[in-house]
Amino acid sequence: MVPAAAPTAAPLTPLCIAPSSSLACLPGGSPRDLRFNLSHSLDLAIYAFALESDIGVDLELIRADFASERIAENFFSRSEVETLRALSRQHRPQAFYNCWTRKQAYVKARGQGLSIELRSFDVSRIPAEEAKILRGDDCDGWSLVSFAPARGCPGNAGKPPSNRWTTLALNAR
């Protein structure tokens, strides 16, 4: 993604979002089969960790000039593009980035990256709508969780059906 202006109002808030089993360790305190994923946008970063489970995470600073209909038409499903078109101009950038970060978190969690066609599945996208996968092959049981580490910066994490979520939030200055 193209760099955007840094957020000014919100302090950095490191987050740890991971399936609950990822908080367990082997005797002696060393993790077993630790998997991770990360994403960054300017000076914000998110790291997600899981034990014996795949996980994906994505965050992006909202840039209204980047959240174009043309980009959506190239990467989003027809239903997702139609939803974006139906929203007011004010809500389109948030919906665009909700869709983008949810799709990225899911394909990263699958471990196949962009070899999964982004149009082959639908995610929720309307601002304030719960993060979830709405349609797609092999999506049953997969889940998403949304977070906002800074104002104007939506993020999402995706995980397979086998684990529950545990979310830890730490404020740092």
N, C-alpha and C. Protein backbone atom coordinates (compact mmCIF):
# COMPACT_ATOMS: atom_id res chain seq x y z
N MET A 1 0.84 -1.17 0.00
CA MET A 1 0.00 0.00 0.00
C MET A 1 0.89 1.24 0.00
N VAL A 2 0.36 2.33 -0.50
CA VAL A 2 1.08 3.60 -0.55
C VAL A 2 1.08 4.24 0.83
N PRO A 3 2.23 4.78 1.30
CA PRO A 3 2.27 5.40 2.64
C PRO A 3 1.26 6.53 2.76
N ALA A 4 0.76 6.71 3.95
CA ALA A 4 -0.21 7.77 4.26
C ALA A 4 0.36 8.64 5.36
N ALA A 5 -0.30 9.74 5.62
CA ALA A 5 0.12 10.61 6.71
C ALA A 5 -0.06 9.89 8.04
N ALA A 6 0.85 10.11 8.96
CA ALA A 6 0.79 9.45 10.27
C ALA A 6 -0.40 9.98 11.05
N PRO A 7 -1.05 9.11 11.85
CA PRO A 7 -2.15 9.57 12.68
C PRO A 7 -1.62 10.54 13.73
N THR A 8 -2.41 11.56 14.03
CA THR A 8 -1.94 12.56 14.97
C THR A 8 -2.63 12.52 16.32
N ALA A 9 -3.88 12.10 16.38
CA ALA A 9 -4.65 12.21 17.62
C ALA A 9 -4.42 11.06 18.59
N ALA A 10 -4.19 9.85 18.09
CA ALA A 10 -4.13 8.68 18.97
C ALA A 10 -2.70 8.25 19.22
N PRO A 11 -2.33 7.92 20.47
CA PRO A 11 -1.00 7.38 20.74
C PRO A 11 -0.92 5.95 20.21
N LEU A 12 0.28 5.47 19.99
CA LEU A 12 0.45 4.09 19.55
C LEU A 12 -0.07 3.15 20.63
N THR A 13 -0.80 2.13 20.22
CA THR A 13 -1.34 1.16 21.14
C THR A 13 -0.97 -0.23 20.65
N PRO A 14 0.10 -0.83 21.17
CA PRO A 14 0.43 -2.19 20.75
C PRO A 14 -0.69 -3.16 21.16
N LEU A 15 -1.03 -4.07 20.28
CA LEU A 15 -2.06 -5.06 20.55
C LEU A 15 -1.50 -6.45 20.29
N CYS A 16 -2.00 -7.41 21.05
CA CYS A 16 -1.69 -8.81 20.79
C CYS A 16 -3.02 -9.52 20.64
N ILE A 17 -3.30 -10.03 19.46
CA ILE A 17 -4.56 -10.73 19.21
C ILE A 17 -4.20 -12.12 18.71
N ALA A 18 -4.61 -13.13 19.43
CA ALA A 18 -4.21 -14.49 19.08
C ALA A 18 -5.18 -15.50 19.64
N PRO A 19 -5.25 -16.69 19.02
CA PRO A 19 -6.05 -17.75 19.61
C PRO A 19 -5.58 -18.02 21.04
N SER A 20 -6.51 -18.36 21.92
CA SER A 20 -6.18 -18.49 23.34
C SER A 20 -5.12 -19.55 23.61
N SER A 21 -5.03 -20.59 22.79
CA SER A 21 -4.02 -21.61 23.02
C SER A 21 -2.61 -21.07 22.84
N SER A 22 -2.48 -19.92 22.18
CA SER A 22 -1.15 -19.38 21.94
C SER A 22 -0.51 -18.83 23.20
N LEU A 23 -1.27 -18.71 24.28
CA LEU A 23 -0.71 -18.18 25.51
C LEU A 23 -0.05 -19.28 26.34
N ALA A 24 -0.16 -20.53 25.90
CA ALA A 24 0.43 -21.66 26.63
C ALA A 24 1.87 -21.89 26.18
N CYS A 25 2.67 -22.42 27.08
CA CYS A 25 4.06 -22.74 26.76
C CYS A 25 4.38 -24.14 27.27
N LEU A 26 5.43 -24.71 26.70
CA LEU A 26 5.93 -25.99 27.20
C LEU A 26 6.58 -25.78 28.56
N PRO A 27 6.77 -26.85 29.33
CA PRO A 27 7.50 -26.71 30.59
C PRO A 27 8.85 -26.03 30.32
N GLY A 28 9.21 -25.13 31.20
CA GLY A 28 10.43 -24.37 31.00
C GLY A 28 10.19 -23.04 30.31
N GLY A 29 8.97 -22.81 29.85
CA GLY A 29 8.60 -21.52 29.30
C GLY A 29 8.87 -21.32 27.83
N SER A 30 9.30 -22.33 27.09
CA SER A 30 9.55 -22.12 25.66
C SER A 30 8.32 -22.51 24.85
N PRO A 31 7.95 -21.70 23.88
CA PRO A 31 6.76 -21.99 23.08
C PRO A 31 7.00 -23.15 22.13
N ARG A 32 5.95 -23.87 21.79
CA ARG A 32 6.04 -24.97 20.83
C ARG A 32 5.26 -24.60 19.57
N ASP A 33 5.83 -24.88 18.43
CA ASP A 33 5.19 -24.64 17.15
C ASP A 33 4.56 -23.24 17.09
N LEU A 34 5.35 -22.26 17.42
CA LEU A 34 4.87 -20.87 17.44
C LEU A 34 4.79 -20.35 16.01
N ARG A 35 3.65 -19.80 15.66
CA ARG A 35 3.45 -19.19 14.35
C ARG A 35 3.11 -17.73 14.56
N PHE A 36 3.44 -16.92 13.58
CA PHE A 36 3.17 -15.50 13.74
C PHE A 36 2.85 -14.86 12.40
N ASN A 37 2.33 -13.66 12.47
CA ASN A 37 2.08 -12.85 11.30
C ASN A 37 2.21 -11.41 11.73
N LEU A 38 2.50 -10.54 10.79
CA LEU A 38 2.64 -9.13 11.13
C LEU A 38 2.16 -8.26 10.00
N SER A 39 1.89 -7.02 10.35
CA SER A 39 1.51 -6.01 9.36
C SER A 39 1.94 -4.66 9.90
N HIS A 40 2.20 -3.74 9.00
CA HIS A 40 2.53 -2.38 9.43
C HIS A 40 2.02 -1.38 8.41
N SER A 41 1.81 -0.18 8.88
CA SER A 41 1.40 0.93 8.04
C SER A 41 2.00 2.17 8.68
N LEU A 42 2.94 2.80 7.99
CA LEU A 42 3.75 3.88 8.54
C LEU A 42 4.38 3.43 9.85
N ASP A 43 4.15 4.15 10.95
CA ASP A 43 4.81 3.77 12.20
C ASP A 43 3.93 2.93 13.11
N LEU A 44 2.86 2.37 12.58
CA LEU A 44 2.03 1.44 13.35
C LEU A 44 2.34 0.01 12.92
N ALA A 45 2.35 -0.90 13.88
CA ALA A 45 2.61 -2.30 13.57
C ALA A 45 1.75 -3.18 14.46
N ILE A 46 1.40 -4.35 13.94
CA ILE A 46 0.66 -5.36 14.72
C ILE A 46 1.37 -6.69 14.50
N TYR A 47 1.55 -7.43 15.59
CA TYR A 47 2.14 -8.76 15.56
C TYR A 47 1.13 -9.71 16.17
N ALA A 48 0.87 -10.81 15.51
CA ALA A 48 -0.06 -11.81 16.03
C ALA A 48 0.69 -13.13 16.17
N PHE A 49 0.47 -13.83 17.27
CA PHE A 49 1.15 -15.09 17.56
C PHE A 49 0.12 -16.17 17.87
N ALA A 50 0.44 -17.40 17.47
CA ALA A 50 -0.44 -18.54 17.76
C ALA A 50 0.41 -19.80 17.89
N LEU A 51 -0.05 -20.70 18.74
CA LEU A 51 0.60 -22.00 18.86
C LEU A 51 -0.20 -23.02 18.06
N GLU A 52 0.51 -23.78 17.24
CA GLU A 52 -0.10 -24.87 16.50
C GLU A 52 -1.32 -24.44 15.71
N SER A 53 -1.34 -23.21 15.24
CA SER A 53 -2.47 -22.68 14.48
C SER A 53 -1.99 -21.55 13.60
N ASP A 54 -2.54 -21.47 12.41
CA ASP A 54 -2.20 -20.36 11.53
C ASP A 54 -2.94 -19.11 11.98
N ILE A 55 -2.39 -17.96 11.65
CA ILE A 55 -3.00 -16.68 11.99
C ILE A 55 -2.55 -15.65 10.96
N GLY A 56 -3.44 -14.70 10.65
CA GLY A 56 -3.09 -13.62 9.73
C GLY A 56 -3.58 -12.31 10.30
N VAL A 57 -2.89 -11.23 9.98
CA VAL A 57 -3.26 -9.92 10.50
C VAL A 57 -2.94 -8.86 9.46
N ASP A 58 -3.75 -7.82 9.43
CA ASP A 58 -3.50 -6.70 8.53
C ASP A 58 -4.04 -5.42 9.14
N LEU A 59 -3.36 -4.32 8.91
CA LEU A 59 -3.86 -3.00 9.29
C LEU A 59 -3.42 -2.02 8.22
N GLU A 60 -4.17 -0.96 8.07
CA GLU A 60 -3.87 0.08 7.08
C GLU A 60 -4.37 1.42 7.59
N LEU A 61 -3.58 2.45 7.39
CA LEU A 61 -4.06 3.81 7.64
C LEU A 61 -4.99 4.21 6.51
N ILE A 62 -6.13 4.76 6.84
CA ILE A 62 -7.12 5.13 5.82
C ILE A 62 -6.62 6.32 5.01
N ARG A 63 -6.64 6.14 3.71
CA ARG A 63 -6.37 7.21 2.76
C ARG A 63 -7.55 7.27 1.79
N ALA A 64 -8.34 8.29 1.91
CA ALA A 64 -9.53 8.41 1.06
C ALA A 64 -9.16 8.43 -0.42
N ASP A 65 -8.00 9.00 -0.77
CA ASP A 65 -7.59 9.08 -2.17
C ASP A 65 -7.18 7.72 -2.73
N PHE A 66 -6.82 6.78 -1.88
CA PHE A 66 -6.43 5.45 -2.33
C PHE A 66 -7.62 4.50 -2.43
N ALA A 67 -8.62 4.72 -1.60
CA ALA A 67 -9.79 3.84 -1.52
C ALA A 67 -10.71 4.09 -2.71
N SER A 68 -10.23 3.78 -3.89
CA SER A 68 -10.99 4.10 -5.11
C SER A 68 -11.87 2.94 -5.57
N GLU A 69 -12.86 3.30 -6.34
CA GLU A 69 -13.75 2.29 -6.91
C GLU A 69 -12.98 1.41 -7.89
N ARG A 70 -12.01 1.99 -8.59
CA ARG A 70 -11.22 1.21 -9.56
C ARG A 70 -10.43 0.10 -8.87
N ILE A 71 -9.82 0.40 -7.74
CA ILE A 71 -9.08 -0.63 -7.00
C ILE A 71 -10.06 -1.69 -6.49
N ALA A 72 -11.19 -1.25 -5.97
CA ALA A 72 -12.20 -2.21 -5.48
C ALA A 72 -12.65 -3.13 -6.62
N GLU A 73 -12.88 -2.59 -7.79
CA GLU A 73 -13.31 -3.42 -8.93
C GLU A 73 -12.27 -4.47 -9.30
N ASN A 74 -11.00 -4.18 -9.08
CA ASN A 74 -9.93 -5.13 -9.42
C ASN A 74 -9.73 -6.23 -8.39
N PHE A 75 -10.10 -5.96 -7.12
CA PHE A 75 -9.78 -6.92 -6.07
C PHE A 75 -10.98 -7.44 -5.28
N PHE A 76 -12.09 -6.73 -5.28
CA PHE A 76 -13.24 -7.12 -4.47
C PHE A 76 -14.27 -7.85 -5.33
N SER A 77 -15.14 -8.61 -4.66
CA SER A 77 -16.21 -9.31 -5.37
C SER A 77 -17.25 -8.30 -5.86
N ARG A 78 -18.08 -8.73 -6.76
CA ARG A 78 -19.14 -7.86 -7.28
C ARG A 78 -20.04 -7.35 -6.16
N SER A 79 -20.40 -8.21 -5.23
CA SER A 79 -21.25 -7.82 -4.10
C SER A 79 -20.56 -6.76 -3.24
N GLU A 80 -19.28 -6.93 -3.00
CA GLU A 80 -18.54 -5.96 -2.19
C GLU A 80 -18.46 -4.61 -2.88
N VAL A 81 -18.23 -4.61 -4.18
CA VAL A 81 -18.17 -3.35 -4.95
C VAL A 81 -19.53 -2.67 -4.93
N GLU A 82 -20.60 -3.43 -5.09
CA GLU A 82 -21.95 -2.85 -5.07
C GLU A 82 -22.26 -2.23 -3.71
N THR A 83 -21.83 -2.89 -2.64
CA THR A 83 -22.03 -2.33 -1.30
C THR A 83 -21.30 -1.01 -1.16
N LEU A 84 -20.05 -0.95 -1.61
CA LEU A 84 -19.28 0.29 -1.53
C LEU A 84 -19.96 1.41 -2.30
N ARG A 85 -20.44 1.10 -3.50
CA ARG A 85 -21.12 2.12 -4.32
C ARG A 85 -22.38 2.65 -3.65
N ALA A 86 -23.05 1.80 -2.88
CA ALA A 86 -24.31 2.20 -2.25
C ALA A 86 -24.10 3.08 -1.01
N LEU A 87 -22.89 3.09 -0.48
CA LEU A 87 -22.61 3.88 0.73
C LEU A 87 -22.38 5.34 0.37
N SER A 88 -22.56 6.20 1.35
CA SER A 88 -22.26 7.62 1.16
C SER A 88 -20.76 7.79 0.98
N ARG A 89 -20.35 8.87 0.33
CA ARG A 89 -18.92 9.16 0.14
C ARG A 89 -18.17 9.18 1.47
N GLN A 90 -18.84 9.64 2.50
CA GLN A 90 -18.23 9.73 3.83
C GLN A 90 -17.86 8.34 4.38
N HIS A 91 -18.66 7.32 4.11
CA HIS A 91 -18.45 5.99 4.67
C HIS A 91 -17.65 5.05 3.76
N ARG A 92 -17.45 5.41 2.51
CA ARG A 92 -16.75 4.52 1.57
C ARG A 92 -15.31 4.20 1.97
N PRO A 93 -14.50 5.20 2.36
CA PRO A 93 -13.12 4.83 2.71
C PRO A 93 -13.03 3.82 3.86
N GLN A 94 -13.82 3.99 4.91
CA GLN A 94 -13.80 3.04 6.02
C GLN A 94 -14.23 1.66 5.54
N ALA A 95 -15.29 1.60 4.74
CA ALA A 95 -15.77 0.32 4.23
C ALA A 95 -14.73 -0.34 3.33
N PHE A 96 -14.08 0.45 2.48
CA PHE A 96 -13.03 -0.06 1.60
C PHE A 96 -11.93 -0.72 2.44
N TYR A 97 -11.43 -0.01 3.44
CA TYR A 97 -10.34 -0.55 4.26
C TYR A 97 -10.80 -1.69 5.17
N ASN A 98 -12.05 -1.68 5.60
CA ASN A 98 -12.58 -2.85 6.32
C ASN A 98 -12.48 -4.07 5.42
N CYS A 99 -12.95 -3.92 4.21
CA CYS A 99 -12.92 -5.03 3.25
C CYS A 99 -11.49 -5.46 2.96
N TRP A 100 -10.62 -4.51 2.67
CA TRP A 100 -9.23 -4.82 2.33
C TRP A 100 -8.51 -5.54 3.46
N THR A 101 -8.57 -5.01 4.68
CA THR A 101 -7.82 -5.61 5.78
C THR A 101 -8.41 -6.97 6.19
N ARG A 102 -9.71 -7.13 6.05
CA ARG A 102 -10.33 -8.44 6.36
C ARG A 102 -9.90 -9.49 5.35
N LYS A 103 -9.89 -9.12 4.08
CA LYS A 103 -9.44 -10.05 3.05
C LYS A 103 -7.97 -10.41 3.24
N GLN A 104 -7.13 -9.41 3.51
CA GLN A 104 -5.71 -9.66 3.70
C GLN A 104 -5.46 -10.55 4.92
N ALA A 105 -6.14 -10.28 6.02
CA ALA A 105 -5.96 -11.10 7.23
C ALA A 105 -6.33 -12.56 6.94
N TYR A 106 -7.42 -12.77 6.21
CA TYR A 106 -7.86 -14.13 5.90
C TYR A 106 -6.85 -14.86 5.01
N VAL A 107 -6.42 -14.24 3.90
CA VAL A 107 -5.51 -14.95 3.00
C VAL A 107 -4.14 -15.17 3.66
N LYS A 108 -3.72 -14.26 4.52
CA LYS A 108 -2.47 -14.46 5.24
C LYS A 108 -2.60 -15.61 6.23
N ALA A 109 -3.73 -15.72 6.90
CA ALA A 109 -3.96 -16.82 7.84
C ALA A 109 -3.99 -18.16 7.11
N ARG A 110 -4.50 -18.18 5.90
CA ARG A 110 -4.53 -19.42 5.11
C ARG A 110 -3.13 -19.84 4.67
N GLY A 111 -2.19 -18.90 4.72
CA GLY A 111 -0.82 -19.22 4.35
C GLY A 111 -0.59 -19.31 2.86
N GLN A 112 -1.55 -18.82 2.08
CA GLN A 112 -1.44 -18.90 0.62
C GLN A 112 -1.35 -17.53 -0.02
N GLY A 113 -1.40 -16.49 0.79
CA GLY A 113 -1.27 -15.14 0.27
C GLY A 113 -2.21 -14.86 -0.89
N LEU A 114 -1.70 -14.11 -1.85
CA LEU A 114 -2.55 -13.69 -2.97
C LEU A 114 -2.77 -14.77 -4.03
N SER A 115 -2.33 -16.01 -3.74
CA SER A 115 -2.71 -17.09 -4.64
C SER A 115 -4.20 -17.39 -4.47
N ILE A 116 -4.79 -16.93 -3.37
CA ILE A 116 -6.24 -17.00 -3.18
C ILE A 116 -6.82 -15.75 -3.84
N GLU A 117 -7.64 -15.94 -4.82
CA GLU A 117 -8.28 -14.83 -5.53
C GLU A 117 -9.15 -14.05 -4.56
N LEU A 118 -8.88 -12.76 -4.38
CA LEU A 118 -9.62 -11.95 -3.41
C LEU A 118 -11.10 -11.83 -3.76
N ARG A 119 -11.45 -11.99 -5.02
CA ARG A 119 -12.87 -11.94 -5.43
C ARG A 119 -13.60 -13.24 -5.13
N SER A 120 -12.87 -14.29 -4.74
CA SER A 120 -13.49 -15.60 -4.56
C SER A 120 -14.23 -15.74 -3.23
N PHE A 121 -14.16 -14.72 -2.40
CA PHE A 121 -14.88 -14.76 -1.12
C PHE A 121 -15.31 -13.35 -0.75
N ASP A 122 -16.36 -13.26 0.05
CA ASP A 122 -16.89 -11.98 0.52
C ASP A 122 -16.66 -11.84 2.01
N VAL A 123 -16.37 -10.62 2.44
CA VAL A 123 -16.26 -10.30 3.86
C VAL A 123 -17.21 -9.17 4.18
N SER A 124 -17.56 -9.03 5.45
CA SER A 124 -18.36 -7.89 5.87
C SER A 124 -17.53 -6.63 5.66
N ARG A 125 -18.17 -5.51 5.42
CA ARG A 125 -17.41 -4.31 5.11
C ARG A 125 -18.01 -3.01 5.60
N ILE A 126 -19.29 -2.98 5.90
CA ILE A 126 -19.96 -1.76 6.32
C ILE A 126 -19.40 -1.31 7.67
N PRO A 127 -19.08 -0.01 7.82
CA PRO A 127 -18.56 0.46 9.11
C PRO A 127 -19.46 0.03 10.27
N ALA A 128 -18.86 -0.39 11.35
CA ALA A 128 -19.52 -0.86 12.58
C ALA A 128 -20.14 -2.25 12.44
N GLU A 129 -20.01 -2.88 11.29
CA GLU A 129 -20.51 -4.24 11.09
C GLU A 129 -19.47 -5.24 11.63
N GLU A 130 -19.93 -6.30 12.26
CA GLU A 130 -19.04 -7.33 12.79
C GLU A 130 -18.17 -7.92 11.68
N ALA A 131 -16.90 -8.12 11.97
CA ALA A 131 -15.98 -8.71 11.00
C ALA A 131 -16.30 -10.19 10.82
N LYS A 132 -16.56 -10.59 9.58
CA LYS A 132 -16.79 -12.01 9.31
C LYS A 132 -16.67 -12.30 7.82
N ILE A 133 -16.45 -13.56 7.52
CA ILE A 133 -16.41 -14.03 6.15
C ILE A 133 -17.83 -14.44 5.79
N LEU A 134 -18.35 -13.88 4.73
CA LEU A 134 -19.75 -14.09 4.37
C LEU A 134 -19.95 -15.20 3.33
N ARG A 135 -18.97 -15.37 2.44
CA ARG A 135 -19.12 -16.35 1.36
C ARG A 135 -17.74 -16.75 0.87
N GLY A 136 -17.60 -18.02 0.49
CA GLY A 136 -16.36 -18.49 -0.12
C GLY A 136 -16.14 -19.97 0.09
N ASP A 137 -15.33 -20.56 -0.76
CA ASP A 137 -14.98 -21.97 -0.64
C ASP A 137 -14.03 -22.16 0.54
N ASP A 138 -14.22 -23.22 1.28
CA ASP A 138 -13.33 -23.57 2.39
C ASP A 138 -13.22 -22.50 3.47
N CYS A 139 -14.27 -21.69 3.65
CA CYS A 139 -14.25 -20.63 4.67
C CYS A 139 -14.98 -21.02 5.95
N ASP A 140 -15.65 -22.16 5.95
CA ASP A 140 -16.45 -22.55 7.11
C ASP A 140 -15.61 -22.61 8.37
N GLY A 141 -16.08 -21.93 9.39
CA GLY A 141 -15.42 -21.95 10.68
C GLY A 141 -14.30 -20.94 10.85
N TRP A 142 -13.81 -20.38 9.75
CA TRP A 142 -12.78 -19.35 9.85
C TRP A 142 -13.41 -18.10 10.44
N SER A 143 -12.63 -17.36 11.21
CA SER A 143 -13.20 -16.15 11.80
C SER A 143 -12.24 -14.97 11.71
N LEU A 144 -12.82 -13.81 11.86
CA LEU A 144 -12.08 -12.55 11.83
C LEU A 144 -12.41 -11.76 13.08
N VAL A 145 -11.49 -10.93 13.50
CA VAL A 145 -11.75 -9.99 14.59
C VAL A 145 -11.17 -8.64 14.16
N SER A 146 -11.92 -7.58 14.45
CA SER A 146 -11.49 -6.22 14.10
C SER A 146 -10.88 -5.52 15.30
N PHE A 147 -9.99 -4.59 15.01
CA PHE A 147 -9.42 -3.74 16.05
C PHE A 147 -9.01 -2.43 15.38
N ALA A 148 -8.77 -1.42 16.18
CA ALA A 148 -8.33 -0.12 15.67
C ALA A 148 -7.19 0.39 16.56
N PRO A 149 -5.95 0.15 16.16
CA PRO A 149 -4.83 0.56 16.99
C PRO A 149 -4.63 2.08 17.04
N ALA A 150 -5.20 2.79 16.10
CA ALA A 150 -5.13 4.26 16.08
C ALA A 150 -6.33 4.78 15.31
N ARG A 151 -6.64 6.02 15.55
CA ARG A 151 -7.76 6.64 14.83
C ARG A 151 -7.46 6.62 13.33
N GLY A 152 -8.45 6.19 12.55
CA GLY A 152 -8.27 6.13 11.10
C GLY A 152 -7.40 4.99 10.63
N CYS A 153 -7.32 3.93 11.43
CA CYS A 153 -6.46 2.80 11.09
C CYS A 153 -7.16 1.49 11.45
N PRO A 154 -8.00 0.97 10.55
CA PRO A 154 -8.64 -0.31 10.85
C PRO A 154 -7.67 -1.47 10.69
N GLY A 155 -7.88 -2.48 11.52
CA GLY A 155 -7.09 -3.69 11.43
C GLY A 155 -7.98 -4.90 11.63
N ASN A 156 -7.51 -6.04 11.14
CA ASN A 156 -8.25 -7.28 11.28
C ASN A 156 -7.27 -8.43 11.43
N ALA A 157 -7.70 -9.45 12.16
CA ALA A 157 -6.94 -10.69 12.29
C ALA A 157 -7.85 -11.84 11.89
N GLY A 158 -7.27 -12.87 11.28
CA GLY A 158 -8.03 -14.04 10.86
C GLY A 158 -7.41 -15.30 11.41
N LYS A 159 -8.25 -16.29 11.70
CA LYS A 159 -7.76 -17.57 12.24
C LYS A 159 -8.65 -18.71 11.79
N PRO A 160 -8.10 -19.93 11.79
CA PRO A 160 -8.87 -21.11 11.42
C PRO A 160 -9.86 -21.50 12.52
N PRO A 161 -10.73 -22.47 12.23
CA PRO A 161 -11.79 -22.83 13.16
C PRO A 161 -11.33 -23.44 14.47
N SER A 162 -10.11 -23.86 14.60
CA SER A 162 -9.69 -24.67 15.75
C SER A 162 -9.46 -23.93 17.05
N ASN A 163 -9.38 -22.62 17.06
CA ASN A 163 -9.03 -21.91 18.28
C ASN A 163 -9.98 -20.77 18.61
N ARG A 164 -10.06 -20.46 19.92
CA ARG A 164 -10.81 -19.29 20.38
C ARG A 164 -9.88 -18.09 20.39
N TRP A 165 -10.46 -16.89 20.37
CA TRP A 165 -9.67 -15.67 20.42
C TRP A 165 -9.34 -15.26 21.85
N THR A 166 -8.15 -14.77 22.04
CA THR A 166 -7.78 -14.07 23.26
C THR A 166 -7.17 -12.76 22.79
N THR A 167 -7.63 -11.67 23.34
CA THR A 167 -7.14 -10.36 22.94
C THR A 167 -6.53 -9.66 24.14
N LEU A 168 -5.31 -9.22 23.97
CA LEU A 168 -4.64 -8.45 25.01
C LEU A 168 -4.32 -7.09 24.43
N ALA A 169 -4.62 -6.04 25.14
CA ALA A 169 -4.30 -4.69 24.69
C ALA A 169 -3.43 -4.02 25.74
N LEU A 170 -2.34 -3.43 25.30
CA LEU A 170 -1.42 -2.76 26.20
C LEU A 170 -1.21 -1.34 25.70
N ASN A 171 -1.30 -0.38 26.56
CA ASN A 171 -1.01 1.01 26.19
C ASN A 171 0.45 1.28 26.46
N ALA A 172 1.12 1.88 25.51
CA ALA A 172 2.53 2.23 25.69
C ALA A 172 2.74 3.66 25.18
N ARG A 173 3.66 4.34 25.80
CA ARG A 173 4.00 5.70 25.36
C ARG A 173 5.44 5.78 24.99
